[in-house]
Amino acid sequence: MTGAADLPVIAVVGPTATGKSGLGLDLAERLDGEIVNADAMQLYRGMDVGTAKLAPAERRGIPHHQLDVLEVTEEASVAAYQHAARSDVAAIRKRGRVPILVGGSGLYVRAALDRLDLPPTDPAVRSRLEAQAADMGADAMYRLLLQQDSAAAALIQPGNLRRVIRALEVIELTGRPFSASMPRREFVEPTVVIGLALERAVLDHRIEERVLHMWRTGLREEVEGLLPLGLRRGFTASRAIGYAQAIAVIDGSLTEAEAIAETAQATRRLARRQERWFRPDPRITWLQADRPTVLDEALALLS
């Protein structure tokens, strides 16, 4: 195996519940690496159970970066993440170790790895669009985006209100289509991207098991502890899969059984969106996540 200084940046991506964290740890152990998180929800401090965040004792002594860097009342920013993640990668390189990016938040992965000039933001414009969305509803905002930038609308799920608002904000601020700001498939430095895949039935079963485990190991209690810290005020955190459903249980609008079913369904939809995001990228080498040889196959890509 080549020395750490000669290895590219490594990224492990793919749908939720495919085992990215485990493979990232295995690679870090074998290659003297450090992990840079690329899961947007794991940026939030205290959001552990519902994001499947590795507990410190599960990290095998391997340094992890971009975990627990935001309060639940703060908004995750791709621009801020890009700066922080690239700084982490440079610092890991300076220590003579291998940066290993791990996560399934597609735009965050691209922001860290690809040439991507992020358009400006304006809190006043954002607030006005959010108020407009509260008045008109998500469907109407999506139709507005469809009228102004059909190419961007085709890449954004209608229910992803935060992304719809961001696209409309960029269009207003720049006078250019949001789609013109989408990242190019051009790495900023040599990178190997490993995608983990599972058969649909296997992935769905894993998702069901993971969701049940989350609820059995304290998701509701975690949310109850975050509410006094302002979870409801966090536009992103309060809408995260599992957290929104737990809030509904606490408020009495869902039973726990209904919340579990809704969480699993939302997670399956998330996995499909992640697949649609990553699959068209020809730079990703896909490995079958449940093969016992997956680590060896991943290491072979670096030889």
C-alpha atoms as a PDB file:
ATOM      1  CA  MET A   1       0.000   0.000   0.000  1.00  0.00           C
ATOM      2  CA  THR A   2       1.224   3.507  -0.843  1.00  0.00           C
ATOM      3  CA  GLY A   3       2.263   5.767   2.047  1.00  0.00           C
ATOM      4  CA  ALA A   4      -0.297   8.089   3.604  1.00  0.00           C
ATOM      5  CA  ALA A   5       1.266  11.196   2.085  1.00  0.00           C
ATOM      6  CA  ASP A   6       0.828   9.768  -1.423  1.00  0.00           C
ATOM      7  CA  LEU A   7      -2.800   8.711  -1.070  1.00  0.00           C
ATOM      8  CA  PRO A   8      -5.685  10.785  -2.428  1.00  0.00           C
ATOM      9  CA  VAL A   9      -8.527  12.137  -0.373  1.00  0.00           C
ATOM     10  CA  ILE A  10     -10.995   9.290   0.143  1.00  0.00           C
ATOM     11  CA  ALA A  11     -14.758   9.721   0.294  1.00  0.00           C
ATOM     12  CA  VAL A  12     -17.291   7.076   1.328  1.00  0.00           C
ATOM     13  CA  VAL A  13     -20.778   8.000   0.122  1.00  0.00           C
ATOM     14  CA  GLY A  14     -24.155   6.468  -0.626  1.00  0.00           C
ATOM     15  CA  PRO A  15     -27.619   6.043   0.851  1.00  0.00           C
ATOM     16  CA  THR A  16     -28.310   5.980   4.566  1.00  0.00           C
ATOM     17  CA  ALA A  17     -27.926   2.641   6.384  1.00  0.00           C
ATOM     18  CA  THR A  18     -25.403   1.170   3.944  1.00  0.00           C
ATOM     19  CA  GLY A  19     -22.563   1.069   6.477  1.00  0.00           C
ATOM     20  CA  LYS A  20     -20.560   4.157   5.491  1.00  0.00           C
ATOM     21  CA  SER A  21     -19.416   4.892   9.044  1.00  0.00           C
ATOM     22  CA  GLY A  22     -18.095   1.353   9.511  1.00  0.00           C
ATOM     23  CA  LEU A  23     -16.163   1.321   6.256  1.00  0.00           C
ATOM     24  CA  GLY A  24     -14.793   4.778   7.025  1.00  0.00           C
ATOM     25  CA  LEU A  25     -13.453   3.518  10.354  1.00  0.00           C
ATOM     26  CA  ASP A  26     -11.953   0.414   8.745  1.00  0.00           C
ATOM     27  CA  LEU A  27     -10.194   2.520   6.109  1.00  0.00           C
ATOM     28  CA  ALA A  28      -8.941   4.990   8.707  1.00  0.00           C
ATOM     29  CA  GLU A  29      -7.454   2.165  10.766  1.00  0.00           C
ATOM     30  CA  ARG A  30      -5.690   0.642   7.777  1.00  0.00           C
ATOM     31  CA  LEU A  31      -4.490   3.905   6.223  1.00  0.00           C
ATOM     32  CA  ASP A  32      -3.710   6.080   9.252  1.00  0.00           C
ATOM     33  CA  GLY A  33      -6.660   8.294   8.461  1.00  0.00           C
ATOM     34  CA  GLU A  34      -8.978  10.783  10.115  1.00  0.00           C
ATOM     35  CA  ILE A  35     -12.701  11.136   9.440  1.00  0.00           C
ATOM     36  CA  VAL A  36     -14.422  14.270   8.162  1.00  0.00           C
ATOM     37  CA  ASN A  37     -18.203  14.033   8.574  1.00  0.00           C
ATOM     38  CA  ALA A  38     -20.373  14.850   5.537  1.00  0.00           C
ATOM     39  CA  ASP A  39     -23.796  14.187   7.066  1.00  0.00           C
ATOM     40  CA  ALA A  40     -25.552  17.536   7.526  1.00  0.00           C
ATOM     41  CA  MET A  41     -27.642  16.386  10.501  1.00  0.00           C
ATOM     42  CA  GLN A  42     -24.590  15.085  12.378  1.00  0.00           C
ATOM     43  CA  LEU A  43     -23.270  18.634  12.479  1.00  0.00           C
ATOM     44  CA  TYR A  44     -25.791  19.277  15.272  1.00  0.00           C
ATOM     45  CA  ARG A  45     -24.751  18.913  18.888  1.00  0.00           C
ATOM     46  CA  GLY A  46     -27.078  16.614  20.816  1.00  0.00           C
ATOM     47  CA  MET A  47     -28.663  15.044  17.736  1.00  0.00           C
ATOM     48  CA  ASP A  48     -27.060  11.647  18.216  1.00  0.00           C
ATOM     49  CA  VAL A  49     -29.586   8.807  18.393  1.00  0.00           C
ATOM     50  CA  GLY A  50     -31.713   9.999  15.492  1.00  0.00           C
ATOM     51  CA  THR A  51     -28.744  10.615  13.183  1.00  0.00           C
ATOM     52  CA  ALA A  52     -26.953   7.308  13.928  1.00  0.00           C
ATOM     53  CA  LYS A  53     -23.932   9.341  15.019  1.00  0.00           C
ATOM     54  CA  LEU A  54     -21.109   7.183  16.324  1.00  0.00           C
ATOM     55  CA  ALA A  55     -20.629   7.655  20.055  1.00  0.00           C
ATOM     56  CA  PRO A  56     -17.080   8.631  21.081  1.00  0.00           C
ATOM     57  CA  ALA A  57     -16.472   5.103  22.404  1.00  0.00           C
ATOM     58  CA  GLU A  58     -17.387   3.674  18.977  1.00  0.00           C
ATOM     59  CA  ARG A  59     -14.866   5.785  17.058  1.00  0.00           C
ATOM     60  CA  ARG A  60     -11.905   3.440  17.812  1.00  0.00           C
ATOM     61  CA  GLY A  61      -9.754   6.377  18.869  1.00  0.00           C
ATOM     62  CA  ILE A  62      -9.851   7.815  15.349  1.00  0.00           C
ATOM     63  CA  PRO A  63     -10.217  11.614  15.196  1.00  0.00           C
ATOM     64  CA  HIS A  64     -13.543  12.793  13.777  1.00  0.00           C
ATOM     65  CA  HIS A  65     -14.193  16.273  12.439  1.00  0.00           C
ATOM     66  CA  GLN A  66     -17.379  18.237  11.667  1.00  0.00           C
ATOM     67  CA  LEU A  67     -19.424  16.519  14.359  1.00  0.00           C
ATOM     68  CA  ASP A  68     -21.297  18.538  17.014  1.00  0.00           C
ATOM     69  CA  VAL A  69     -20.336  21.933  15.589  1.00  0.00           C
ATOM     70  CA  LEU A  70     -23.820  23.530  15.532  1.00  0.00           C
ATOM     71  CA  GLU A  71     -26.525  24.214  18.096  1.00  0.00           C
ATOM     72  CA  VAL A  72     -30.010  23.008  17.184  1.00  0.00           C
ATOM     73  CA  THR A  73     -31.150  26.625  16.802  1.00  0.00           C
ATOM     74  CA  GLU A  74     -28.517  27.334  14.123  1.00  0.00           C
ATOM     75  CA  GLU A  75     -28.872  26.827  10.397  1.00  0.00           C
ATOM     76  CA  ALA A  76     -26.457  24.551   8.598  1.00  0.00           C
ATOM     77  CA  SER A  77     -24.623  26.435   5.846  1.00  0.00           C
ATOM     78  CA  VAL A  78     -23.013  24.727   2.873  1.00  0.00           C
ATOM     79  CA  ALA A  79     -20.603  27.667   2.541  1.00  0.00           C
ATOM     80  CA  ALA A  80     -19.521  27.447   6.187  1.00  0.00           C
ATOM     81  CA  TYR A  81     -19.201  23.676   5.910  1.00  0.00           C
ATOM     82  CA  GLN A  82     -17.104  23.963   2.753  1.00  0.00           C
ATOM     83  CA  HIS A  83     -14.618  26.258   4.474  1.00  0.00           C
ATOM     84  CA  ALA A  84     -14.456  24.141   7.642  1.00  0.00           C
ATOM     85  CA  ALA A  85     -14.234  20.761   5.888  1.00  0.00           C
ATOM     86  CA  ARG A  86     -11.506  21.907   3.516  1.00  0.00           C
ATOM     87  CA  SER A  87      -9.584  23.345   6.457  1.00  0.00           C
ATOM     88  CA  ASP A  88      -9.899  19.960   8.191  1.00  0.00           C
ATOM     89  CA  VAL A  89      -8.646  18.138   5.100  1.00  0.00           C
ATOM     90  CA  ALA A  90      -5.631  20.465   4.846  1.00  0.00           C
ATOM     91  CA  ALA A  91      -4.831  20.038   8.555  1.00  0.00           C
ATOM     92  CA  ILE A  92      -5.078  16.242   8.299  1.00  0.00           C
ATOM     93  CA  ARG A  93      -2.711  16.342   5.320  1.00  0.00           C
ATOM     94  CA  LYS A  94      -0.301  18.528   7.302  1.00  0.00           C
ATOM     95  CA  ARG A  95      -0.255  15.872  10.042  1.00  0.00           C
ATOM     96  CA  GLY A  96       0.761  13.300   7.430  1.00  0.00           C
ATOM     97  CA  ARG A  97      -2.510  11.403   7.655  1.00  0.00           C
ATOM     98  CA  VAL A  98      -5.252  10.515   5.152  1.00  0.00           C
ATOM     99  CA  PRO A  99      -8.498  12.559   5.046  1.00  0.00           C
ATOM    100  CA  ILE A 100     -11.560  10.295   4.751  1.00  0.00           C
ATOM    101  CA  LEU A 101     -14.839  12.079   4.057  1.00  0.00           C
ATOM    102  CA  VAL A 102     -17.852  10.029   5.161  1.00  0.00           C
ATOM    103  CA  GLY A 103     -21.515  10.880   4.659  1.00  0.00           C
ATOM    104  CA  GLY A 104     -24.578  10.924   2.482  1.00  0.00           C
ATOM    105  CA  SER A 105     -25.444  14.641   2.235  1.00  0.00           C
ATOM    106  CA  GLY A 106     -24.748  15.052  -1.455  1.00  0.00           C
ATOM    107  CA  LEU A 107     -24.281  18.809  -1.678  1.00  0.00           C
ATOM    108  CA  TYR A 108     -22.000  18.821   1.366  1.00  0.00           C
ATOM    109  CA  VAL A 109     -19.864  16.104  -0.209  1.00  0.00           C
ATOM    110  CA  ARG A 110     -19.621  18.106  -3.424  1.00  0.00           C
ATOM    111  CA  ALA A 111     -18.857  21.326  -1.505  1.00  0.00           C
ATOM    112  CA  ALA A 112     -15.937  19.640   0.232  1.00  0.00           C
ATOM    113  CA  LEU A 113     -14.509  17.853  -2.791  1.00  0.00           C
ATOM    114  CA  ASP A 114     -15.447  19.727  -5.963  1.00  0.00           C
ATOM    115  CA  ARG A 115     -14.775  23.116  -7.489  1.00  0.00           C
ATOM    116  CA  LEU A 116     -17.844  24.957  -6.263  1.00  0.00           C
ATOM    117  CA  ASP A 117     -18.205  28.712  -5.903  1.00  0.00           C
ATOM    118  CA  LEU A 118     -21.102  29.221  -3.549  1.00  0.00           C
ATOM    119  CA  PRO A 119     -23.481  32.109  -4.338  1.00  0.00           C
ATOM    120  CA  PRO A 120     -24.192  34.806  -1.745  1.00  0.00           C
ATOM    121  CA  THR A 121     -26.887  34.761   0.910  1.00  0.00           C
ATOM    122  CA  ASP A 122     -28.967  37.561   2.423  1.00  0.00           C
ATOM    123  CA  PRO A 123     -30.823  37.029   5.731  1.00  0.00           C
ATOM    124  CA  ALA A 124     -33.456  39.639   4.836  1.00  0.00           C
ATOM    125  CA  VAL A 125     -34.275  37.996   1.511  1.00  0.00           C
ATOM    126  CA  ARG A 126     -34.253  34.565   3.143  1.00  0.00           C
ATOM    127  CA  SER A 127     -36.629  35.711   5.910  1.00  0.00           C
ATOM    128  CA  ARG A 128     -39.027  37.227   3.384  1.00  0.00           C
ATOM    129  CA  LEU A 129     -39.071  34.025   1.325  1.00  0.00           C
ATOM    130  CA  GLU A 130     -39.627  31.930   4.454  1.00  0.00           C
ATOM    131  CA  ALA A 131     -42.578  34.153   5.417  1.00  0.00           C
ATOM    132  CA  GLN A 132     -43.904  33.808   1.875  1.00  0.00           C
ATOM    133  CA  ALA A 133     -43.586  30.026   2.152  1.00  0.00           C
ATOM    134  CA  ALA A 134     -45.448  30.026   5.464  1.00  0.00           C
ATOM    135  CA  ASP A 135     -48.260  31.956   3.778  1.00  0.00           C
ATOM    136  CA  MET A 136     -48.363  30.194   0.393  1.00  0.00           C
ATOM    137  CA  GLY A 137     -47.185  26.679   1.242  1.00  0.00           C
ATOM    138  CA  ALA A 138     -44.388  24.490  -0.087  1.00  0.00           C
ATOM    139  CA  ASP A 139     -46.176  23.486  -3.305  1.00  0.00           C
ATOM    140  CA  ALA A 140     -46.715  27.090  -4.363  1.00  0.00           C
ATOM    141  CA  MET A 141     -43.064  27.934  -3.686  1.00  0.00           C
ATOM    142  CA  TYR A 142     -41.964  24.983  -5.781  1.00  0.00           C
ATOM    143  CA  ARG A 143     -44.206  26.137  -8.649  1.00  0.00           C
ATOM    144  CA  LEU A 144     -42.585  29.570  -8.363  1.00  0.00           C
ATOM    145  CA  LEU A 145     -39.162  27.968  -8.723  1.00  0.00           C
ATOM    146  CA  LEU A 146     -40.397  25.906 -11.653  1.00  0.00           C
ATOM    147  CA  GLN A 147     -41.392  29.129 -13.425  1.00  0.00           C
ATOM    148  CA  GLN A 148     -38.084  30.871 -12.716  1.00  0.00           C
ATOM    149  CA  ASP A 149     -35.614  28.003 -13.149  1.00  0.00           C
ATOM    150  CA  SER A 150     -37.025  24.721 -14.412  1.00  0.00           C
ATOM    151  CA  ALA A 151     -33.557  23.135 -14.536  1.00  0.00           C
ATOM    152  CA  ALA A 152     -33.042  23.739 -10.806  1.00  0.00           C
ATOM    153  CA  ALA A 153     -36.587  22.591 -10.020  1.00  0.00           C
ATOM    154  CA  ALA A 154     -35.881  19.287 -11.764  1.00  0.00           C
ATOM    155  CA  LEU A 155     -32.995  18.661  -9.349  1.00  0.00           C
ATOM    156  CA  ILE A 156     -34.835  19.609  -6.154  1.00  0.00           C
ATOM    157  CA  GLN A 157     -37.577  17.562  -4.513  1.00  0.00           C
ATOM    158  CA  PRO A 158     -40.835  19.567  -4.217  1.00  0.00           C
ATOM    159  CA  GLY A 159     -40.990  18.833  -0.493  1.00  0.00           C
ATOM    160  CA  ASN A 160     -37.469  20.135   0.161  1.00  0.00           C
ATOM    161  CA  LEU A 161     -38.623  23.618   1.117  1.00  0.00           C
ATOM    162  CA  ARG A 162     -35.250  24.733   2.414  1.00  0.00           C
ATOM    163  CA  ARG A 163     -33.571  24.023  -0.923  1.00  0.00           C
ATOM    164  CA  VAL A 164     -36.441  25.629  -2.850  1.00  0.00           C
ATOM    165  CA  ILE A 165     -36.103  28.797  -0.772  1.00  0.00           C
ATOM    166  CA  ARG A 166     -32.329  28.810  -1.238  1.00  0.00           C
ATOM    167  CA  ALA A 167     -32.734  28.512  -5.012  1.00  0.00           C
ATOM    168  CA  LEU A 168     -35.196  31.407  -5.103  1.00  0.00           C
ATOM    169  CA  GLU A 169     -32.870  33.457  -2.888  1.00  0.00           C
ATOM    170  CA  VAL A 170     -29.920  32.920  -5.246  1.00  0.00           C
ATOM    171  CA  ILE A 171     -32.015  33.792  -8.299  1.00  0.00           C
ATOM    172  CA  GLU A 172     -33.104  37.051  -6.650  1.00  0.00           C
ATOM    173  CA  LEU A 173     -29.623  38.008  -5.446  1.00  0.00           C
ATOM    174  CA  THR A 174     -27.649  37.141  -8.558  1.00  0.00           C
ATOM    175  CA  GLY A 175     -30.159  37.556 -11.365  1.00  0.00           C
ATOM    176  CA  ARG A 176     -28.942  34.205 -12.650  1.00  0.00           C
ATOM    177  CA  PRO A 177     -30.529  30.745 -12.550  1.00  0.00           C
ATOM    178  CA  PHE A 178     -29.744  28.721  -9.447  1.00  0.00           C
ATOM    179  CA  SER A 179     -28.818  25.844 -11.758  1.00  0.00           C
ATOM    180  CA  ALA A 180     -25.869  27.947 -12.996  1.00  0.00           C
ATOM    181  CA  SER A 181     -24.417  27.713  -9.477  1.00  0.00           C
ATOM    182  CA  MET A 182     -24.564  23.941  -9.259  1.00  0.00           C
ATOM    183  CA  PRO A 183     -21.167  22.268  -8.710  1.00  0.00           C
ATOM    184  CA  ARG A 184     -19.029  20.988 -11.560  1.00  0.00           C
ATOM    185  CA  ARG A 185     -17.715  17.433 -11.425  1.00  0.00           C
ATOM    186  CA  GLU A 186     -14.119  18.530 -10.953  1.00  0.00           C
ATOM    187  CA  PHE A 187     -12.182  17.618  -7.807  1.00  0.00           C
ATOM    188  CA  VAL A 188     -10.108  20.305  -6.107  1.00  0.00           C
ATOM    189  CA  GLU A 189      -7.414  17.679  -5.407  1.00  0.00           C
ATOM    190  CA  PRO A 190      -6.917  13.976  -6.234  1.00  0.00           C
ATOM    191  CA  THR A 191      -9.837  12.054  -4.743  1.00  0.00           C
ATOM    192  CA  VAL A 192     -11.220   8.524  -4.790  1.00  0.00           C
ATOM    193  CA  VAL A 193     -14.950   8.262  -4.122  1.00  0.00           C
ATOM    194  CA  ILE A 194     -16.340   4.921  -2.963  1.00  0.00           C
ATOM    195  CA  GLY A 195     -20.095   4.429  -3.122  1.00  0.00           C
ATOM    196  CA  LEU A 196     -21.814   1.804  -0.976  1.00  0.00           C
ATOM    197  CA  ALA A 197     -24.867   0.104  -2.451  1.00  0.00           C
ATOM    198  CA  LEU A 198     -27.367  -2.509  -1.269  1.00  0.00           C
ATOM    199  CA  GLU A 199     -30.202  -4.364  -2.903  1.00  0.00           C
ATOM    200  CA  ARG A 200     -33.418  -2.428  -2.371  1.00  0.00           C
ATOM    201  CA  ALA A 201     -35.050  -5.058  -0.144  1.00  0.00           C
ATOM    202  CA  VAL A 202     -31.929  -5.371   2.008  1.00  0.00           C
ATOM    203  CA  LEU A 203     -31.627  -1.604   2.357  1.00  0.00           C
ATOM    204  CA  ASP A 204     -35.283  -1.226   3.298  1.00  0.00           C
ATOM    205  CA  HIS A 205     -34.899  -3.920   5.951  1.00  0.00           C
ATOM    206  CA  ARG A 206     -31.844  -2.193   7.365  1.00  0.00           C
ATOM    207  CA  ILE A 207     -33.745   1.080   7.501  1.00  0.00           C
ATOM    208  CA  GLU A 208     -36.631  -0.542   9.370  1.00  0.00           C
ATOM    209  CA  GLU A 209     -34.217  -2.068  11.881  1.00  0.00           C
ATOM    210  CA  ARG A 210     -32.326   1.187  12.338  1.00  0.00           C
ATOM    211  CA  VAL A 211     -35.497   3.199  12.940  1.00  0.00           C
ATOM    212  CA  LEU A 212     -36.779   0.688  15.501  1.00  0.00           C
ATOM    213  CA  HIS A 213     -33.396   0.751  17.234  1.00  0.00           C
ATOM    214  CA  MET A 214     -33.457   4.550  17.408  1.00  0.00           C
ATOM    215  CA  TRP A 215     -36.850   4.634  19.049  1.00  0.00           C
ATOM    216  CA  ARG A 216     -35.962   1.814  21.433  1.00  0.00           C
ATOM    217  CA  THR A 217     -32.707   3.462  22.492  1.00  0.00           C
ATOM    218  CA  GLY A 218     -34.023   6.875  23.369  1.00  0.00           C
ATOM    219  CA  LEU A 219     -34.934   9.038  20.377  1.00  0.00           C
ATOM    220  CA  ARG A 220     -37.949  10.498  22.153  1.00  0.00           C
ATOM    221  CA  GLU A 221     -35.911  11.156  25.290  1.00  0.00           C
ATOM    222  CA  GLU A 222     -33.196  12.806  23.203  1.00  0.00           C
ATOM    223  CA  VAL A 223     -35.763  15.142  21.650  1.00  0.00           C
ATOM    224  CA  GLU A 224     -37.274  15.934  25.043  1.00  0.00           C
ATOM    225  CA  GLY A 225     -33.802  17.002  26.150  1.00  0.00           C
ATOM    226  CA  LEU A 226     -33.317  19.193  23.073  1.00  0.00           C
ATOM    227  CA  LEU A 227     -36.620  21.038  23.309  1.00  0.00           C
ATOM    228  CA  PRO A 228     -35.465  23.286  26.196  1.00  0.00           C
ATOM    229  CA  LEU A 229     -32.408  24.124  24.066  1.00  0.00           C
ATOM    230  CA  GLY A 230     -34.620  25.566  21.332  1.00  0.00           C
ATOM    231  CA  LEU A 231     -35.101  22.627  18.985  1.00  0.00           C
ATOM    232  CA  ARG A 232     -38.445  23.965  17.760  1.00  0.00           C
ATOM    233  CA  ARG A 233     -36.765  27.219  16.684  1.00  0.00           C
ATOM    234  CA  GLY A 234     -34.280  25.404  14.483  1.00  0.00           C
ATOM    235  CA  PHE A 235     -35.654  25.469  10.939  1.00  0.00           C
ATOM    236  CA  THR A 236     -33.481  22.529   9.868  1.00  0.00           C
ATOM    237  CA  ALA A 237     -33.012  20.571  13.088  1.00  0.00           C
ATOM    238  CA  SER A 238     -36.707  20.485  14.008  1.00  0.00           C
ATOM    239  CA  ARG A 239     -37.596  19.091  10.580  1.00  0.00           C
ATOM    240  CA  ALA A 240     -34.959  16.361  10.558  1.00  0.00           C
ATOM    241  CA  ILE A 241     -36.243  12.843   9.958  1.00  0.00           C
ATOM    242  CA  GLY A 242     -37.121  11.234  13.280  1.00  0.00           C
ATOM    243  CA  TYR A 243     -36.963  14.520  15.184  1.00  0.00           C
ATOM    244  CA  ALA A 244     -40.070  15.958  13.537  1.00  0.00           C
ATOM    245  CA  GLN A 245     -41.915  12.714  14.275  1.00  0.00           C
ATOM    246  CA  ALA A 246     -40.735  12.630  17.899  1.00  0.00           C
ATOM    247  CA  ILE A 247     -41.922  16.215  18.377  1.00  0.00           C
ATOM    248  CA  ALA A 248     -45.309  15.148  17.002  1.00  0.00           C
ATOM    249  CA  VAL A 249     -45.467  12.298  19.534  1.00  0.00           C
ATOM    250  CA  ILE A 250     -44.614  14.680  22.371  1.00  0.00           C
ATOM    251  CA  ASP A 251     -47.310  17.089  21.118  1.00  0.00           C
ATOM    252  CA  GLY A 252     -49.846  14.272  20.904  1.00  0.00           C
ATOM    253  CA  SER A 253     -50.480  14.502  17.147  1.00  0.00           C
ATOM    254  CA  LEU A 254     -48.903  11.088  16.423  1.00  0.00           C
ATOM    255  CA  THR A 255     -48.784   7.849  18.350  1.00  0.00           C
ATOM    256  CA  GLU A 256     -45.363   6.270  18.741  1.00  0.00           C
ATOM    257  CA  ALA A 257     -46.317   3.483  16.318  1.00  0.00           C
ATOM    258  CA  GLU A 258     -47.412   6.064  13.735  1.00  0.00           C
ATOM    259  CA  ALA A 259     -44.196   8.034  14.292  1.00  0.00           C
ATOM    260  CA  ILE A 260     -42.037   4.936  13.794  1.00  0.00           C
ATOM    261  CA  ALA A 261     -43.843   4.091  10.542  1.00  0.00           C
ATOM    262  CA  GLU A 262     -43.583   7.676   9.310  1.00  0.00           C
ATOM    263  CA  THR A 263     -39.895   7.868  10.221  1.00  0.00           C
ATOM    264  CA  ALA A 264     -39.158   4.658   8.328  1.00  0.00           C
ATOM    265  CA  GLN A 265     -41.090   5.849   5.286  1.00  0.00           C
ATOM    266  CA  ALA A 266     -39.285   9.221   5.290  1.00  0.00           C
ATOM    267  CA  THR A 267     -35.935   7.463   5.644  1.00  0.00           C
ATOM    268  CA  ARG A 268     -36.698   5.208   2.683  1.00  0.00           C
ATOM    269  CA  ARG A 269     -37.531   8.299   0.629  1.00  0.00           C
ATOM    270  CA  LEU A 270     -34.260   9.881   1.757  1.00  0.00           C
ATOM    271  CA  ALA A 271     -32.327   6.809   0.628  1.00  0.00           C
ATOM    272  CA  ARG A 272     -33.960   7.015  -2.831  1.00  0.00           C
ATOM    273  CA  ARG A 273     -33.029  10.714  -3.090  1.00  0.00           C
ATOM    274  CA  GLN A 274     -29.445   9.941  -2.110  1.00  0.00           C
ATOM    275  CA  GLU A 275     -29.280   7.233  -4.756  1.00  0.00           C
ATOM    276  CA  ARG A 276     -30.586   9.648  -7.399  1.00  0.00           C
ATOM    277  CA  TRP A 277     -28.017  12.254  -6.346  1.00  0.00           C
ATOM    278  CA  PHE A 278     -24.946  10.025  -6.348  1.00  0.00           C
ATOM    279  CA  ARG A 279     -25.692   7.506  -9.125  1.00  0.00           C
ATOM    280  CA  PRO A 280     -25.171   9.848 -12.115  1.00  0.00           C
ATOM    281  CA  ASP A 281     -21.638  10.752 -10.968  1.00  0.00           C
ATOM    282  CA  PRO A 282     -19.265   8.634 -13.100  1.00  0.00           C
ATOM    283  CA  ARG A 283     -16.362   9.259 -10.698  1.00  0.00           C
ATOM    284  CA  ILE A 284     -17.904   7.065  -7.990  1.00  0.00           C
ATOM    285  CA  THR A 285     -16.863   3.408  -7.813  1.00  0.00           C
ATOM    286  CA  TRP A 286     -19.766   1.420  -6.364  1.00  0.00           C
ATOM    287  CA  LEU A 287     -19.203  -1.523  -4.040  1.00  0.00           C
ATOM    288  CA  GLN A 288     -21.746  -3.944  -2.632  1.00  0.00           C
ATOM    289  CA  ALA A 289     -21.890  -2.945   1.020  1.00  0.00           C
ATOM    290  CA  ASP A 290     -22.799  -6.356   2.439  1.00  0.00           C
ATOM    291  CA  ARG A 291     -19.989  -8.304   0.782  1.00  0.00           C
ATOM    292  CA  PRO A 292     -17.433  -9.548   3.335  1.00  0.00           C
ATOM    293  CA  THR A 293     -14.670  -8.376   0.979  1.00  0.00           C
ATOM    294  CA  VAL A 294     -15.842  -4.753   0.787  1.00  0.00           C
ATOM    295  CA  LEU A 295     -12.852  -3.401   2.747  1.00  0.00           C
ATOM    296  CA  ASP A 296     -10.371  -5.254   0.549  1.00  0.00           C
ATOM    297  CA  GLU A 297     -12.175  -4.013  -2.549  1.00  0.00           C
ATOM    298  CA  ALA A 298     -12.027  -0.448  -1.259  1.00  0.00           C
ATOM    299  CA  LEU A 299      -8.314  -0.721  -0.470  1.00  0.00           C
ATOM    300  CA  ALA A 300      -7.660  -2.160  -3.923  1.00  0.00           C
ATOM    301  CA  LEU A 301      -9.003   1.048  -5.460  1.00  0.00           C
ATOM    302  CA  LEU A 302      -6.133   2.916  -3.787  1.00  0.00           C
ATOM    303  CA  SER A 303      -3.303   0.575  -4.843  1.00  0.00           C
END
